[in-house]
Protein backbone atom coordinates (compact mmCIF):
# COMPACT_ATOMS: atom_id res chain seq x y z
CA MET A 1 9.44 5.77 -30.49
CA PRO A 2 5.77 5.71 -31.25
CA ASN A 3 4.83 4.16 -28.38
CA GLU A 4 6.34 6.29 -25.51
CA PRO A 5 3.91 8.32 -24.71
CA LYS A 6 0.97 5.62 -24.66
CA GLN A 7 3.16 4.14 -21.83
CA ASN A 8 3.28 6.79 -20.05
CA GLN A 9 -0.16 6.93 -19.87
CA LEU A 10 -0.42 3.98 -18.50
CA GLN A 11 1.83 3.86 -15.87
CA LYS A 12 -0.11 7.41 -14.84
CA SER A 13 -3.03 4.99 -14.75
CA ASN A 14 -1.42 2.33 -12.57
CA ALA A 15 -0.40 4.85 -10.16
CA ILE A 16 -2.02 5.06 -6.22
CA HIS A 17 -3.34 8.76 -6.04
CA PRO A 18 -4.01 9.64 -2.81
CA VAL A 19 -6.44 12.23 -3.16
CA GLU A 20 -8.11 9.98 -5.49
CA ARG A 21 -8.05 7.27 -3.14
CA ARG A 22 -9.62 9.27 -0.26
CA GLN A 23 -12.44 10.85 -2.55
CA ALA A 24 -12.66 7.03 -3.23
CA ARG A 25 -13.63 5.82 0.36
CA ARG A 26 -15.94 9.20 0.73
CA TYR A 27 -18.24 8.01 -2.33
CA ALA A 28 -17.83 4.44 -0.84
CA LEU A 29 -19.09 5.66 2.00
CA GLN A 30 -22.06 7.35 1.22
CA ALA A 31 -22.51 4.49 -0.66
CA MET A 32 -22.41 2.16 1.67
CA TYR A 33 -24.56 4.36 3.88
CA GLN A 34 -27.59 4.08 1.52
CA TRP A 35 -26.92 0.63 1.11
CA GLN A 36 -27.64 -0.07 5.03
CA ILE A 37 -30.85 2.35 5.47
CA ALA A 38 -32.01 1.87 1.85
CA GLY A 39 -31.31 -2.19 1.55
CA THR A 40 -30.70 -1.01 -2.14
CA SER A 41 -28.39 -3.74 -4.29
CA MET A 42 -24.67 -2.06 -4.77
CA ASP A 43 -25.36 -2.53 -8.66
CA VAL A 44 -28.33 -0.12 -8.67
CA ILE A 45 -26.22 2.42 -6.05
CA GLU A 46 -23.04 1.92 -8.32
CA ALA A 47 -25.15 3.37 -11.00
CA GLU A 48 -26.45 5.98 -9.22
CA PHE A 49 -23.17 7.35 -7.96
CA LEU A 50 -21.47 7.45 -11.01
CA LYS A 51 -24.13 8.56 -13.16
CA TYR A 52 -25.51 11.48 -10.22
CA HIS A 53 -23.58 11.90 -7.50
CA ILE A 54 -19.84 12.32 -8.48
CA THR A 55 -18.15 15.95 -8.78
CA LYS A 56 -14.53 14.93 -7.63
CA PRO A 57 -11.98 12.51 -9.23
CA PHE A 58 -11.90 9.19 -7.84
CA ASP A 59 -10.31 6.48 -8.02
CA VAL A 60 -12.98 4.40 -9.81
CA ASP A 61 -11.49 0.75 -9.67
CA TYR A 62 -11.29 1.13 -5.68
CA PHE A 63 -14.84 2.63 -5.34
CA LYS A 64 -16.31 0.06 -6.78
CA ILE A 65 -13.88 -2.77 -5.13
CA LEU A 66 -15.10 -1.25 -1.46
CA ILE A 67 -18.74 -1.22 -2.25
CA HIS A 68 -19.09 -4.49 -3.30
CA GLU A 69 -16.20 -6.32 -1.85
CA ILE A 70 -17.77 -5.20 2.12
CA PRO A 71 -21.51 -6.66 1.31
CA ASN A 72 -20.06 -10.05 0.58
CA CYS A 73 -17.43 -9.65 3.32
CA LYS A 74 -19.90 -8.01 5.73
CA GLN A 75 -19.91 -11.65 8.57
CA GLU A 76 -16.04 -11.31 8.39
CA ILE A 77 -15.77 -8.04 8.99
CA ASP A 78 -18.84 -7.88 11.21
CA SER A 79 -17.18 -10.76 13.50
CA GLU A 80 -13.87 -8.66 13.39
CA MET A 81 -15.42 -6.09 15.22
CA ARG A 82 -17.85 -7.89 17.49
CA SER A 83 -15.70 -8.86 20.30
CA PHE A 84 -14.50 -5.16 20.69
CA LEU A 85 -17.82 -3.79 20.92
CA SER A 86 -19.60 -2.89 24.20
CA ARG A 87 -23.19 -2.40 22.28
CA PRO A 88 -25.35 -5.08 19.10
CA LEU A 89 -24.16 -3.74 15.51
CA SER A 90 -27.76 -2.66 15.68
CA GLU A 91 -27.34 0.23 18.33
CA ILE A 92 -24.22 1.80 16.40
CA ASP A 93 -24.64 4.81 14.24
CA PRO A 94 -25.02 3.90 10.31
CA ILE A 95 -22.14 6.26 9.32
CA GLU A 96 -19.92 4.91 11.84
CA LEU A 97 -20.45 1.62 10.85
CA SER A 98 -20.01 2.34 7.01
CA VAL A 99 -16.55 4.12 8.23
CA ILE A 100 -15.64 0.83 10.55
CA ARG A 101 -16.40 -1.52 8.18
CA ILE A 102 -14.77 0.50 5.03
CA ALA A 103 -11.46 0.35 7.20
CA ILE A 104 -11.84 -3.16 8.63
CA TYR A 105 -12.01 -4.64 5.07
CA GLU A 106 -8.63 -2.57 4.40
CA LEU A 107 -7.89 -3.53 7.25
CA ILE A 108 -7.60 -7.57 6.76
CA LYS A 109 -8.12 -7.77 2.89
CA ARG A 110 -5.59 -5.19 1.62
CA PRO A 111 -2.17 -4.94 2.90
CA ASP A 112 -1.42 -3.17 -0.08
CA VAL A 113 -1.92 0.01 2.11
CA PRO A 114 -0.83 0.60 5.64
CA TYR A 115 -3.07 0.62 8.66
CA ARG A 116 -1.94 4.04 9.45
CA VAL A 117 -3.55 5.37 6.20
CA ILE A 118 -6.44 3.32 6.91
CA ILE A 119 -7.80 4.17 10.19
CA ASN A 120 -5.84 7.81 9.53
CA GLU A 121 -8.46 8.13 6.37
CA ALA A 122 -11.28 6.50 8.61
CA LEU A 123 -11.23 9.05 11.44
CA GLU A 124 -11.41 11.74 8.82
CA LEU A 125 -14.69 10.19 7.25
CA ALA A 126 -15.84 9.97 11.03
CA LYS A 127 -14.70 13.49 12.10
CA THR A 128 -16.77 14.74 8.57
CA PHE A 129 -19.52 12.04 8.74
CA GLY A 130 -20.21 11.28 11.71
CA SER A 131 -21.23 12.63 15.49
CA ILE A 132 -19.36 15.18 17.28
CA GLU A 133 -17.52 12.57 19.07
CA GLY A 134 -17.92 9.58 16.96
CA TYR A 135 -14.48 9.37 15.77
CA LYS A 136 -13.64 8.45 19.23
CA PHE A 137 -15.88 5.35 19.23
CA VAL A 138 -14.26 4.74 15.90
CA ASN A 139 -10.86 4.82 16.59
CA GLY A 140 -10.72 2.61 19.34
CA ILE A 141 -12.57 -0.40 17.55
CA LEU A 142 -10.14 0.51 14.64
CA ASP A 143 -6.76 0.65 16.75
CA ARG A 144 -7.96 -2.95 18.42
CA VAL A 145 -8.82 -4.57 15.40
CA ALA A 146 -5.40 -3.75 14.02
CA LYS A 147 -3.62 -5.04 16.82
CA LYS A 148 -4.89 -7.53 15.98
CA THR A 149 -5.24 -7.89 12.28
CA ARG A 150 -2.24 -6.21 11.40
CA ALA A 151 0.36 -7.59 14.30
CA THR A 152 3.29 -7.53 12.46
CA GLU A 153 3.02 -4.20 10.67
CA ILE A 154 2.22 -2.85 13.65
CA GLU A 155 5.39 -4.49 15.49
CA MET A 156 7.76 -3.68 12.19
CA GLY A 157 6.50 -0.03 12.64
CA LYS A 158 7.81 -0.06 15.95
CA SER A 159 11.38 -2.04 15.45
CA GLY A 160 11.46 1.21 13.00
CA LYS A 161 12.70 -1.85 10.43
């Protein structure tokens, strides 16, 4: 069948590659940080990242979704975390705030991604790029947001279904 190799390529391109998805989150974190600090538009940041900063294979589509959708959903994302904060958003380390925003976006808008994956990925980003104890703060916020936004998924996990 002459179309068989093309179908195999298509199947591969639609598959989720955890390492490439992880790298997309990592690049998205860096882009979100730049957006928060410099206020540069995401279109400019995207073009810059794709031209100058990309050094490893990554899920380009997921990167683009994250960097464009998070700013669009910023009010909703921030609202989800505010009730669990003991300080204003302006006092949160920008890296940790970016990590939290990415994870909350995934918790509320990406039901296809398991909550445990989201939290684990966020903690790894916080440990790599955040302050020494920052991952504990990130974990505390995300754990509470997950209990609120993914209660059914959490309960199903506890009951072993």
